[in-house]
Amino acid sequence: MSADLFAPRGSADDIERGLDFQPKFDADGLIPAIVTDAASGEVLMFAWMDAEALALTLAQGVAHFYSRSRRKLWRKGEESGNLLRISQARIDCDQDVLWLKATVEGSGVACHTGSRSCFYRTVPVGTRPSPQTRLTRD
């Protein structure tokens, strides 16, 4: 499906410096997407997109993703009402990761746990991990 929607992958120079949108999907047909708050820059979530999810996101301005566990397309917020309204989409230098800047609608939480961001716990840095390593909550 991606071949029908996006330009074919070109040379490394074309991918890295050109202006043709040539997203690279992995062997499972997915591309990672990082979502940040458009105003604050806070990282809200990470998810996967297939070609259909990417095309719908760009066309509608509302984030769609592919659920690997449910093996289906989903619109973020379809059940909770916490839609991600996309204000800008960026692609990295080799066009294999997306960065979406979004505003969270509804109650303003992006995580299914009810947290504003999916990244609500901190992993300790500066000590060797062990089975007793504890996370801290923001």
N, C-alpha and C. Protein backbone atom coordinates (compact mmCIF):
# COMPACT_ATOMS: atom_id res chain seq x y z
N MET A 1 0.81 -1.20 0.00
CA MET A 1 0.00 0.00 0.00
C MET A 1 0.85 1.26 0.00
N SER A 2 2.00 1.23 0.69
CA SER A 2 2.83 2.44 0.76
C SER A 2 3.31 2.88 -0.60
N ALA A 3 3.49 1.93 -1.52
CA ALA A 3 3.96 2.28 -2.86
C ALA A 3 2.93 3.14 -3.58
N ASP A 4 1.67 2.98 -3.25
CA ASP A 4 0.61 3.74 -3.89
C ASP A 4 0.49 5.15 -3.31
N LEU A 5 0.96 5.36 -2.10
CA LEU A 5 0.75 6.62 -1.39
C LEU A 5 1.95 7.55 -1.37
N PHE A 6 3.14 6.98 -1.40
CA PHE A 6 4.35 7.77 -1.18
C PHE A 6 5.36 7.53 -2.30
N ALA A 7 6.27 8.49 -2.47
CA ALA A 7 7.31 8.36 -3.48
C ALA A 7 8.18 7.14 -3.17
N PRO A 8 8.67 6.47 -4.21
CA PRO A 8 9.57 5.34 -3.97
C PRO A 8 10.89 5.84 -3.38
N ARG A 9 11.54 4.99 -2.61
CA ARG A 9 12.82 5.34 -2.01
C ARG A 9 13.85 5.54 -3.10
N GLY A 10 14.59 6.64 -2.99
CA GLY A 10 15.62 6.96 -3.97
C GLY A 10 17.00 6.71 -3.40
N SER A 11 17.96 7.43 -3.92
CA SER A 11 19.34 7.31 -3.46
C SER A 11 19.46 7.89 -2.06
N ALA A 12 20.56 7.56 -1.38
CA ALA A 12 20.79 8.09 -0.03
C ALA A 12 20.79 9.62 -0.06
N ASP A 13 21.39 10.20 -1.07
CA ASP A 13 21.44 11.66 -1.17
C ASP A 13 20.03 12.24 -1.36
N ASP A 14 19.23 11.60 -2.19
CA ASP A 14 17.87 12.06 -2.42
C ASP A 14 17.03 11.95 -1.14
N ILE A 15 17.19 10.84 -0.42
CA ILE A 15 16.44 10.62 0.82
C ILE A 15 16.86 11.65 1.87
N GLU A 16 18.16 11.88 2.00
CA GLU A 16 18.68 12.74 3.06
C GLU A 16 18.60 14.23 2.74
N ARG A 17 18.68 14.60 1.48
CA ARG A 17 18.73 16.02 1.14
C ARG A 17 17.57 16.49 0.25
N GLY A 18 16.90 15.54 -0.38
CA GLY A 18 15.82 15.88 -1.30
C GLY A 18 14.53 16.26 -0.59
N LEU A 19 13.56 16.67 -1.36
CA LEU A 19 12.28 17.11 -0.80
C LEU A 19 11.13 16.18 -1.13
N ASP A 20 11.42 15.02 -1.72
CA ASP A 20 10.36 14.03 -1.94
C ASP A 20 10.13 13.27 -0.63
N PHE A 21 8.87 13.11 -0.28
CA PHE A 21 8.51 12.37 0.93
C PHE A 21 8.58 10.88 0.62
N GLN A 22 9.61 10.22 1.21
CA GLN A 22 9.90 8.82 0.93
C GLN A 22 10.01 8.03 2.24
N PRO A 23 8.94 7.94 3.02
CA PRO A 23 9.05 7.27 4.32
C PRO A 23 9.49 5.81 4.18
N LYS A 24 10.35 5.39 5.12
CA LYS A 24 10.84 4.01 5.11
C LYS A 24 10.08 3.21 6.16
N PHE A 25 9.30 2.27 5.71
CA PHE A 25 8.57 1.38 6.59
C PHE A 25 9.43 0.14 6.83
N ASP A 26 9.35 -0.43 8.04
CA ASP A 26 10.17 -1.60 8.36
C ASP A 26 9.59 -2.86 7.70
N ALA A 27 10.17 -4.00 8.01
CA ALA A 27 9.75 -5.26 7.40
C ALA A 27 8.29 -5.60 7.69
N ASP A 28 7.74 -5.05 8.77
CA ASP A 28 6.34 -5.26 9.12
C ASP A 28 5.43 -4.18 8.53
N GLY A 29 6.02 -3.28 7.75
CA GLY A 29 5.23 -2.22 7.13
C GLY A 29 4.93 -1.07 8.07
N LEU A 30 5.77 -0.88 9.09
CA LEU A 30 5.53 0.15 10.10
C LEU A 30 6.66 1.17 10.16
N ILE A 31 6.31 2.37 10.63
CA ILE A 31 7.28 3.43 10.86
C ILE A 31 7.01 4.01 12.25
N PRO A 32 8.05 4.25 13.06
CA PRO A 32 7.82 4.81 14.39
C PRO A 32 7.45 6.29 14.34
N ALA A 33 6.60 6.69 15.30
CA ALA A 33 6.18 8.09 15.39
C ALA A 33 6.29 8.56 16.84
N ILE A 34 6.99 9.65 17.02
CA ILE A 34 7.13 10.29 18.33
C ILE A 34 6.17 11.47 18.33
N VAL A 35 5.36 11.60 19.39
CA VAL A 35 4.39 12.69 19.47
C VAL A 35 4.77 13.61 20.63
N THR A 36 4.87 14.90 20.34
CA THR A 36 5.15 15.90 21.37
C THR A 36 4.03 16.93 21.40
N ASP A 37 3.91 17.59 22.56
CA ASP A 37 2.94 18.67 22.70
C ASP A 37 3.40 19.85 21.83
N ALA A 38 2.51 20.37 21.02
CA ALA A 38 2.87 21.45 20.09
C ALA A 38 3.32 22.71 20.82
N ALA A 39 2.76 22.98 21.98
CA ALA A 39 3.09 24.22 22.71
C ALA A 39 4.32 24.06 23.59
N SER A 40 4.38 22.99 24.38
CA SER A 40 5.44 22.86 25.37
C SER A 40 6.64 22.04 24.91
N GLY A 41 6.46 21.19 23.92
CA GLY A 41 7.53 20.30 23.47
C GLY A 41 7.61 19.02 24.28
N GLU A 42 6.76 18.86 25.30
CA GLU A 42 6.76 17.65 26.13
C GLU A 42 6.49 16.42 25.26
N VAL A 43 7.25 15.35 25.48
CA VAL A 43 7.01 14.11 24.77
C VAL A 43 5.74 13.48 25.35
N LEU A 44 4.79 13.22 24.47
CA LEU A 44 3.51 12.66 24.91
C LEU A 44 3.44 11.15 24.75
N MET A 45 3.91 10.66 23.62
CA MET A 45 3.82 9.23 23.37
C MET A 45 4.69 8.81 22.19
N PHE A 46 4.81 7.51 22.05
CA PHE A 46 5.47 6.86 20.93
C PHE A 46 4.52 5.80 20.43
N ALA A 47 4.38 5.69 19.13
CA ALA A 47 3.52 4.65 18.56
C ALA A 47 4.01 4.31 17.15
N TRP A 48 3.39 3.32 16.57
CA TRP A 48 3.73 2.88 15.23
C TRP A 48 2.64 3.27 14.25
N MET A 49 3.03 3.53 13.01
CA MET A 49 2.08 3.83 11.94
C MET A 49 2.36 2.91 10.77
N ASP A 50 1.30 2.45 10.14
CA ASP A 50 1.46 1.81 8.84
C ASP A 50 1.16 2.87 7.78
N ALA A 51 1.22 2.52 6.52
CA ALA A 51 1.02 3.51 5.46
C ALA A 51 -0.37 4.13 5.54
N GLU A 52 -1.37 3.33 5.86
CA GLU A 52 -2.73 3.86 5.95
C GLU A 52 -2.87 4.85 7.11
N ALA A 53 -2.30 4.51 8.27
CA ALA A 53 -2.35 5.42 9.42
C ALA A 53 -1.64 6.73 9.11
N LEU A 54 -0.49 6.65 8.46
CA LEU A 54 0.25 7.86 8.10
C LEU A 54 -0.56 8.71 7.11
N ALA A 55 -1.12 8.07 6.11
CA ALA A 55 -1.90 8.81 5.12
C ALA A 55 -3.13 9.48 5.75
N LEU A 56 -3.84 8.77 6.63
CA LEU A 56 -5.01 9.34 7.30
C LEU A 56 -4.61 10.49 8.22
N THR A 57 -3.50 10.33 8.93
CA THR A 57 -3.02 11.39 9.83
C THR A 57 -2.74 12.66 9.04
N LEU A 58 -2.03 12.53 7.93
CA LEU A 58 -1.69 13.70 7.13
C LEU A 58 -2.93 14.32 6.47
N ALA A 59 -3.84 13.49 6.01
CA ALA A 59 -5.03 14.00 5.33
C ALA A 59 -6.02 14.67 6.28
N GLN A 60 -6.18 14.09 7.48
CA GLN A 60 -7.20 14.57 8.42
C GLN A 60 -6.66 15.50 9.50
N GLY A 61 -5.34 15.47 9.73
CA GLY A 61 -4.77 16.28 10.80
C GLY A 61 -5.07 15.74 12.19
N VAL A 62 -5.47 14.48 12.27
CA VAL A 62 -5.73 13.80 13.54
C VAL A 62 -4.93 12.50 13.52
N ALA A 63 -4.21 12.22 14.63
CA ALA A 63 -3.31 11.08 14.66
C ALA A 63 -4.04 9.74 14.57
N HIS A 64 -3.54 8.91 13.68
CA HIS A 64 -3.96 7.52 13.54
C HIS A 64 -2.70 6.68 13.70
N PHE A 65 -2.85 5.52 14.29
CA PHE A 65 -1.72 4.64 14.50
C PHE A 65 -2.10 3.21 14.15
N TYR A 66 -1.09 2.33 14.16
CA TYR A 66 -1.33 0.91 13.97
C TYR A 66 -1.01 0.20 15.27
N SER A 67 -1.96 -0.51 15.82
CA SER A 67 -1.75 -1.26 17.06
C SER A 67 -1.15 -2.61 16.73
N ARG A 68 0.06 -2.84 17.19
CA ARG A 68 0.70 -4.13 16.95
C ARG A 68 0.02 -5.23 17.76
N SER A 69 -0.44 -4.92 18.97
CA SER A 69 -1.08 -5.95 19.81
C SER A 69 -2.46 -6.33 19.30
N ARG A 70 -3.21 -5.34 18.82
CA ARG A 70 -4.56 -5.62 18.29
C ARG A 70 -4.55 -5.88 16.79
N ARG A 71 -3.40 -5.59 16.16
CA ARG A 71 -3.23 -5.78 14.72
C ARG A 71 -4.29 -5.05 13.91
N LYS A 72 -4.47 -3.75 14.27
CA LYS A 72 -5.44 -2.97 13.52
C LYS A 72 -5.14 -1.48 13.62
N LEU A 73 -5.69 -0.75 12.69
CA LEU A 73 -5.60 0.70 12.65
C LEU A 73 -6.47 1.27 13.77
N TRP A 74 -6.00 2.37 14.39
CA TRP A 74 -6.83 3.05 15.39
C TRP A 74 -6.57 4.54 15.36
N ARG A 75 -7.61 5.29 15.59
CA ARG A 75 -7.49 6.74 15.71
C ARG A 75 -7.32 7.05 17.18
N LYS A 76 -6.23 7.71 17.52
CA LYS A 76 -5.95 8.05 18.92
C LYS A 76 -7.10 8.88 19.47
N GLY A 77 -7.68 8.44 20.57
CA GLY A 77 -8.77 9.15 21.20
C GLY A 77 -10.15 8.73 20.72
N GLU A 78 -10.23 7.71 19.90
CA GLU A 78 -11.53 7.29 19.38
C GLU A 78 -12.48 6.84 20.48
N GLU A 79 -11.93 6.32 21.56
CA GLU A 79 -12.78 5.91 22.70
C GLU A 79 -12.77 6.95 23.81
N SER A 80 -11.63 7.56 24.09
CA SER A 80 -11.50 8.49 25.21
C SER A 80 -11.91 9.92 24.88
N GLY A 81 -11.89 10.26 23.60
CA GLY A 81 -12.14 11.64 23.21
C GLY A 81 -10.89 12.51 23.23
N ASN A 82 -9.76 11.94 23.63
CA ASN A 82 -8.49 12.67 23.69
C ASN A 82 -7.75 12.55 22.36
N LEU A 83 -8.34 13.17 21.34
CA LEU A 83 -7.75 13.16 20.01
C LEU A 83 -6.45 13.94 20.00
N LEU A 84 -5.55 13.54 19.14
CA LEU A 84 -4.31 14.29 18.93
C LEU A 84 -4.45 15.07 17.64
N ARG A 85 -4.63 16.37 17.75
CA ARG A 85 -4.75 17.25 16.59
C ARG A 85 -3.34 17.64 16.16
N ILE A 86 -2.94 17.24 14.97
CA ILE A 86 -1.58 17.43 14.49
C ILE A 86 -1.41 18.82 13.88
N SER A 87 -0.42 19.56 14.38
CA SER A 87 -0.14 20.88 13.82
C SER A 87 1.08 20.85 12.90
N GLN A 88 1.95 19.86 13.11
CA GLN A 88 3.13 19.74 12.25
C GLN A 88 3.61 18.30 12.26
N ALA A 89 4.03 17.83 11.11
CA ALA A 89 4.64 16.50 10.98
C ALA A 89 6.03 16.68 10.39
N ARG A 90 7.01 16.06 11.01
CA ARG A 90 8.39 16.11 10.52
C ARG A 90 8.90 14.70 10.34
N ILE A 91 9.88 14.56 9.46
CA ILE A 91 10.52 13.26 9.22
C ILE A 91 12.01 13.44 9.43
N ASP A 92 12.69 12.43 9.96
CA ASP A 92 14.12 12.56 10.23
C ASP A 92 14.93 12.45 8.95
N CYS A 93 16.26 12.58 9.08
CA CYS A 93 17.16 12.68 7.93
C CYS A 93 17.09 11.49 6.98
N ASP A 94 16.91 10.28 7.49
CA ASP A 94 16.82 9.15 6.57
C ASP A 94 15.39 8.66 6.39
N GLN A 95 14.45 9.49 6.80
CA GLN A 95 13.02 9.28 6.57
C GLN A 95 12.50 7.95 7.10
N ASP A 96 13.00 7.58 8.32
CA ASP A 96 12.49 6.34 8.91
C ASP A 96 11.89 6.55 10.31
N VAL A 97 11.72 7.80 10.74
CA VAL A 97 11.06 8.14 12.00
C VAL A 97 10.28 9.43 11.81
N LEU A 98 9.05 9.44 12.31
CA LEU A 98 8.21 10.64 12.25
C LEU A 98 8.18 11.34 13.60
N TRP A 99 8.03 12.65 13.56
CA TRP A 99 7.84 13.47 14.76
C TRP A 99 6.58 14.27 14.52
N LEU A 100 5.59 14.04 15.35
CA LEU A 100 4.32 14.74 15.23
C LEU A 100 4.17 15.73 16.37
N LYS A 101 3.89 16.98 16.04
CA LYS A 101 3.60 18.00 17.06
C LYS A 101 2.08 18.09 17.13
N ALA A 102 1.53 17.95 18.34
CA ALA A 102 0.09 17.82 18.48
C ALA A 102 -0.46 18.59 19.66
N THR A 103 -1.75 18.85 19.59
CA THR A 103 -2.52 19.37 20.71
C THR A 103 -3.48 18.27 21.11
N VAL A 104 -3.53 17.96 22.41
CA VAL A 104 -4.42 16.93 22.90
C VAL A 104 -5.79 17.54 23.17
N GLU A 105 -6.80 16.99 22.53
CA GLU A 105 -8.16 17.45 22.77
C GLU A 105 -8.79 16.64 23.89
N GLY A 106 -10.03 16.91 24.21
CA GLY A 106 -10.71 16.19 25.28
C GLY A 106 -10.21 16.63 26.63
N SER A 107 -9.87 15.67 27.48
CA SER A 107 -9.41 16.01 28.83
C SER A 107 -7.92 16.33 28.87
N GLY A 108 -7.24 16.29 27.73
CA GLY A 108 -5.85 16.72 27.66
C GLY A 108 -4.82 15.68 28.05
N VAL A 109 -5.23 14.41 28.14
CA VAL A 109 -4.26 13.36 28.47
C VAL A 109 -3.99 12.51 27.23
N ALA A 110 -2.74 12.16 27.04
CA ALA A 110 -2.37 11.38 25.87
C ALA A 110 -2.24 9.89 26.18
N CYS A 111 -2.03 9.53 27.43
CA CYS A 111 -1.79 8.13 27.79
C CYS A 111 -3.08 7.42 28.19
N HIS A 112 -3.19 6.18 27.80
CA HIS A 112 -4.39 5.40 28.15
C HIS A 112 -4.52 5.17 29.66
N THR A 113 -3.43 5.43 30.41
CA THR A 113 -3.49 5.27 31.87
C THR A 113 -4.12 6.47 32.56
N GLY A 114 -4.36 7.54 31.79
CA GLY A 114 -4.89 8.77 32.35
C GLY A 114 -3.82 9.80 32.64
N SER A 115 -2.57 9.47 32.39
CA SER A 115 -1.47 10.42 32.57
C SER A 115 -1.39 11.34 31.35
N ARG A 116 -0.91 12.54 31.56
CA ARG A 116 -0.76 13.51 30.47
C ARG A 116 0.12 12.94 29.37
N SER A 117 1.23 12.32 29.76
CA SER A 117 2.19 11.74 28.84
C SER A 117 2.36 10.26 29.17
N CYS A 118 2.71 9.48 28.18
CA CYS A 118 3.01 8.07 28.43
C CYS A 118 4.33 7.91 29.18
N PHE A 119 5.13 8.98 29.22
CA PHE A 119 6.44 8.93 29.87
C PHE A 119 6.35 9.58 31.24
N TYR A 120 5.63 8.96 32.15
CA TYR A 120 5.36 9.52 33.47
C TYR A 120 6.23 8.91 34.58
N ARG A 121 7.17 8.06 34.22
CA ARG A 121 8.09 7.47 35.20
C ARG A 121 9.53 7.71 34.77
N THR A 122 10.40 7.88 35.76
CA THR A 122 11.81 8.14 35.51
C THR A 122 12.63 6.91 35.87
N VAL A 123 13.56 6.56 35.00
CA VAL A 123 14.49 5.45 35.23
C VAL A 123 15.77 6.04 35.80
N PRO A 124 16.27 5.50 36.92
CA PRO A 124 17.49 6.08 37.50
C PRO A 124 18.69 5.94 36.57
N VAL A 125 19.47 7.00 36.50
CA VAL A 125 20.69 7.02 35.69
C VAL A 125 21.86 7.23 36.63
N GLY A 126 22.95 6.56 36.37
CA GLY A 126 24.15 6.72 37.20
C GLY A 126 24.39 5.55 38.13
N THR A 127 23.52 4.57 38.10
CA THR A 127 23.73 3.35 38.88
C THR A 127 23.46 2.15 37.97
N ARG A 128 24.13 1.06 38.26
CA ARG A 128 23.94 -0.14 37.45
C ARG A 128 22.55 -0.73 37.73
N PRO A 129 21.79 -1.03 36.67
CA PRO A 129 20.47 -1.62 36.88
C PRO A 129 20.56 -2.99 37.54
N SER A 130 19.54 -3.32 38.31
CA SER A 130 19.46 -4.64 38.95
C SER A 130 17.98 -4.99 39.06
N PRO A 131 17.66 -6.20 39.48
CA PRO A 131 16.25 -6.56 39.68
C PRO A 131 15.55 -5.69 40.71
N GLN A 132 16.30 -5.00 41.55
CA GLN A 132 15.73 -4.12 42.57
C GLN A 132 15.60 -2.67 42.11
N THR A 133 15.97 -2.37 40.88
CA THR A 133 15.88 -1.00 40.38
C THR A 133 14.44 -0.53 40.43
N ARG A 134 14.24 0.64 41.00
CA ARG A 134 12.89 1.21 41.16
C ARG A 134 12.76 2.47 40.30
N LEU A 135 11.61 2.65 39.74
CA LEU A 135 11.28 3.84 38.98
C LEU A 135 10.69 4.88 39.91
N THR A 136 10.73 6.14 39.52
CA THR A 136 10.04 7.17 40.27
C THR A 136 8.96 7.77 39.38
N ARG A 137 7.87 8.17 40.00
CA ARG A 137 6.75 8.80 39.28
C ARG A 137 6.92 10.30 39.26
N ASP A 138 6.56 10.91 38.16
CA ASP A 138 6.59 12.37 38.07
C ASP A 138 5.42 12.94 38.85
